[in-house]
Protein backbone atom coordinates (compact mmCIF):
# COMPACT_ATOMS: atom_id res chain seq x y z
CA UNK A 1 -35.50 39.90 44.40
CA UNK A 2 -34.92 37.06 46.84
CA UNK A 3 -36.79 36.73 50.14
CA UNK A 4 -35.29 34.73 52.99
CA UNK A 5 -35.69 34.20 56.72
CA UNK A 6 -32.93 36.17 58.44
CA UNK A 7 -30.45 34.67 60.86
CA UNK A 8 -26.75 34.51 61.67
CA UNK A 9 -26.05 32.71 58.38
CA UNK A 10 -27.21 35.53 56.11
CA UNK A 11 -27.48 38.62 58.31
CA UNK A 12 -24.84 40.39 60.42
CA UNK A 13 -24.41 43.65 62.27
CA UNK A 14 -23.09 45.11 58.97
CA UNK A 15 -25.97 43.91 56.76
CA UNK A 16 -27.71 47.30 56.79
CA UNK A 17 -24.62 49.43 56.16
CA UNK A 18 -25.89 50.37 52.66
CA UNK A 19 -29.58 50.57 53.63
CA UNK A 20 -31.26 53.88 52.72
CA UNK A 21 -33.86 54.76 55.38
CA UNK A 22 -34.37 58.29 54.01
CA UNK A 23 -37.96 59.52 54.06
CA UNK A 24 -39.11 63.08 53.45
CA UNK A 25 -42.15 63.41 55.71
CA UNK A 26 -44.61 66.19 54.90
CA UNK A 27 -47.79 65.21 56.78
CA UNK A 28 -48.41 63.13 59.90
CA UNK A 29 -51.44 61.78 61.67
CA UNK A 30 -52.01 63.33 65.10
CA UNK A 31 -54.62 62.45 67.69
CA UNK A 32 -56.78 65.52 68.37
CA UNK A 33 -59.70 65.17 70.77
CA UNK A 34 -59.64 61.40 70.40
CA UNK A 35 -59.73 61.40 66.59
CA UNK A 36 -56.86 61.10 64.12
CA UNK A 37 -56.28 64.16 61.94
CA UNK A 38 -53.72 64.67 59.20
CA UNK A 39 -51.50 67.63 60.03
CA UNK A 40 -48.62 69.35 58.23
CA UNK A 41 -45.38 68.14 59.85
CA UNK A 42 -42.26 68.32 57.69
CA UNK A 43 -38.87 66.74 58.34
CA UNK A 44 -36.47 64.19 56.88
CA UNK A 45 -36.12 60.84 58.62
CA UNK A 46 -32.83 59.04 58.06
CA UNK A 47 -30.39 56.74 59.83
CA UNK A 48 -26.78 57.54 60.64
CA UNK A 49 -24.27 54.66 60.28
CA UNK A 50 -24.50 53.79 63.98
CA UNK A 51 -28.31 53.68 63.74
CA UNK A 52 -28.06 51.18 60.86
CA UNK A 53 -25.87 48.96 63.04
CA UNK A 54 -28.27 49.34 65.97
CA UNK A 55 -31.18 48.34 63.71
CA UNK A 56 -29.25 45.27 62.52
CA UNK A 57 -28.62 44.35 66.16
CA UNK A 58 -32.36 44.67 66.85
CA UNK A 59 -33.13 42.28 63.99
CA UNK A 60 -30.67 39.74 65.39
CA UNK A 61 -32.09 40.13 68.93
CA UNK A 62 -35.62 39.54 67.61
CA UNK A 63 -34.54 36.24 66.05
CA UNK A 64 -32.50 35.20 69.10
CA UNK A 65 -35.45 36.09 71.35
CA UNK A 66 -37.81 33.65 69.66
CA UNK A 67 -39.19 35.98 67.01
CA UNK A 68 -38.77 35.77 63.27
CA UNK A 69 -37.23 38.04 60.66
CA UNK A 70 -37.33 38.14 56.88
CA UNK A 71 -35.17 39.99 54.39
CA UNK A 72 -35.46 41.07 50.79
CA UNK A 73 -32.14 40.76 48.96
CA UNK A 74 -31.11 42.43 45.72
CA UNK A 75 -27.57 41.99 44.44
CA UNK A 76 -26.61 40.39 47.75
CA UNK A 77 -27.71 43.45 49.75
CA UNK A 78 -30.60 43.66 52.21
CA UNK A 79 -33.09 46.10 50.69
CA UNK A 80 -35.98 45.40 53.04
CA UNK A 81 -36.68 43.58 56.27
CA UNK A 82 -39.46 42.71 58.69
CA UNK A 83 -39.06 41.31 62.19
CA UNK A 84 -41.52 39.90 64.68
CA UNK A 85 -40.62 40.20 68.34
CA UNK A 86 -40.63 36.98 70.36
CA UNK A 87 -43.10 38.14 72.99
CA UNK A 88 -46.84 38.48 72.50
CA UNK A 89 -48.90 41.59 73.19
CA UNK A 90 -52.50 42.21 74.19
CA UNK A 91 -54.76 41.27 77.06
CA UNK A 92 -54.86 37.66 75.88
CA UNK A 93 -51.52 37.52 74.09
CA UNK A 94 -53.46 37.71 70.84
CA UNK A 95 -51.00 40.00 69.05
CA UNK A 96 -47.72 39.16 67.36
CA UNK A 97 -45.59 42.32 67.40
CA UNK A 98 -44.30 43.54 64.03
CA UNK A 99 -41.37 45.22 65.75
CA UNK A 100 -39.42 46.24 62.64
CA UNK A 101 -40.49 46.79 59.04
CA UNK A 102 -38.49 48.86 56.54
CA UNK A 103 -37.77 49.02 52.82
CA UNK A 104 -34.72 50.87 51.47
CA UNK A 105 -35.74 54.05 49.63
CA UNK A 106 -34.68 52.96 46.10
CA UNK A 107 -36.83 49.81 46.39
CA UNK A 108 -40.08 51.32 47.72
CA UNK A 109 -43.19 51.07 45.58
CA UNK A 110 -42.07 47.81 43.95
CA UNK A 111 -43.94 45.28 46.08
CA UNK A 112 -41.02 44.54 48.42
CA UNK A 113 -42.90 45.71 51.50
CA UNK A 114 -46.02 43.74 50.62
CA UNK A 115 -44.02 40.54 50.15
CA UNK A 116 -42.21 41.01 53.47
CA UNK A 117 -45.48 41.85 55.22
CA UNK A 118 -47.09 38.63 53.93
CA UNK A 119 -44.11 36.60 55.18
CA UNK A 120 -44.39 38.22 58.62
CA UNK A 121 -48.15 37.55 58.70
CA UNK A 122 -47.63 33.89 57.79
CA UNK A 123 -45.02 33.49 60.54
CA UNK A 124 -47.32 35.18 63.07
CA UNK A 125 -50.20 32.85 62.09
CA UNK A 126 -47.92 29.81 62.37
CA UNK A 127 -46.94 30.97 65.86
CA UNK A 128 -50.63 31.03 66.85
CA UNK A 129 -51.27 34.79 66.86
CA UNK A 130 -54.77 36.06 66.07
CA UNK A 131 -53.61 39.52 65.01
CA UNK A 132 -50.52 41.44 64.01
CA UNK A 133 -49.72 44.55 66.07
CA UNK A 134 -48.04 47.52 64.42
CA UNK A 135 -46.81 50.69 66.09
CA UNK A 136 -46.78 52.61 62.80
CA UNK A 137 -44.81 55.76 62.07
CA UNK A 138 -47.43 58.53 61.81
CA UNK A 139 -46.32 59.79 58.37
CA UNK A 140 -49.26 59.92 55.98
CA UNK A 141 -47.65 57.57 53.44
CA UNK A 142 -46.72 55.00 56.09
CA UNK A 143 -50.23 54.82 57.54
CA UNK A 144 -51.66 54.71 53.99
CA UNK A 145 -49.38 51.76 53.15
CA UNK A 146 -50.53 49.83 56.24
CA UNK A 147 -54.17 50.60 55.45
CA UNK A 148 -53.63 49.34 51.88
CA UNK A 149 -52.37 46.09 53.44
CA UNK A 150 -55.64 45.80 55.40
CA UNK A 151 -54.55 47.24 58.74
CA UNK A 152 -56.87 49.26 60.97
CA UNK A 153 -56.48 51.11 64.26
CA UNK A 154 -55.69 48.67 67.06
CA UNK A 155 -58.53 47.60 69.34
CA UNK A 156 -55.99 47.51 72.19
CA UNK A 157 -53.09 49.91 72.42
CA UNK A 158 -49.85 48.51 73.81
CA UNK A 159 -48.73 50.87 76.60
CA UNK A 160 -45.02 50.22 76.01
CA UNK A 161 -45.20 51.04 72.28
CA UNK A 162 -47.43 54.06 72.84
CA UNK A 163 -45.07 55.47 75.49
CA UNK A 164 -41.91 54.78 73.46
CA UNK A 165 -43.33 56.43 70.30
CA UNK A 166 -46.21 58.70 71.36
CA UNK A 167 -46.84 59.98 67.81
CA UNK A 168 -47.10 56.49 66.29
CA UNK A 169 -50.47 55.19 65.13
CA UNK A 170 -51.24 51.90 66.86
CA UNK A 171 -52.61 49.49 64.24
CA UNK A 172 -53.50 45.84 63.81
CA UNK A 173 -54.33 43.26 61.22
CA UNK A 174 -56.54 40.25 61.86
CA UNK A 175 -54.61 37.21 60.60
């Protein structure tokens, strides 16, 4: 597995054409009376070809907008990626925004996500952020993965993220 910063030299609009987003969700965290509760919610999350291209465009926009992106490559294919948005979040601009973070289904559980997460954290620290902000998919396994990486519920919720994805769990990691 090779890990590299992503940019126009090694990442294009077609770089995610073979990426497998598939995730069979069975339980999700939901806010009930102010507290998070795990609830049965079953569906399959996946990307259509046009969604893969849109995601690749988002990665490129993050880099062009002053953010940073990192990819995990296996056999020349992108099998995981993480992108920090260029703008800061929080009342004091204390958060770097982990805008995108995905690992292709066949490569999950092999340390790819952890390695990408550490690269994103290092880039956020270098950029002067105090914390990493994550608008995490509410699936039980996603929130568990972020918690295993040391993330907790965010002290400040970003209104834009919360409105765009109302079921997401707003999390943070002190850098």
